[in-house]
Amino acid sequence: MQLADGTRKPVATERMHKIFICRSCADVDAAPAGPDLAARLRARLSTSAEFGMIEVVDSRCMLSCGKPIAVSLTCPGKMSYLFADVDAATDLGNLVTLIRLYRDSPGGAINDARPVGRLRHCLLGRLPT
């Protein structure tokens, strides 16, 4: 539900969206960066009521180990997405934009990915509902 000030308030009919971030993805000889990215994304989303129906989940391996960090988006009744090579240092804003586009798309289709910056080149797959 859109409020007068432009923010969104979750309503009972809205569906929970889950953002999975791999907790084991790491470059060679580096510590996993996924847990830090997940924590920073949670903190960023918690600053706005519009993201009340978004849950960020630390996930097991999503089998894209050659291109850390893996991120997936899923919601009941919507297409799901898998991204890899997400940059923990530079893609936080792009992830927020991606989440907003996904949340606002009734079936999960993101037809114009230009607003998500370099993430549009990180897409590995889109799964049907």
Foldseek 3Di string as FASTA:
>chain_A
DADPVGADADDPPAWAKEKEKECQADDPPDGGPRVVLLVVLVVVLVVGNNCVRYHYHHDHDPPPNVFDIWMKMDTPQAKIWIFGNQDSVPQSVLVVVLVVQQSPDPRRDDPDSPSSPPRVVGTPDIGHD
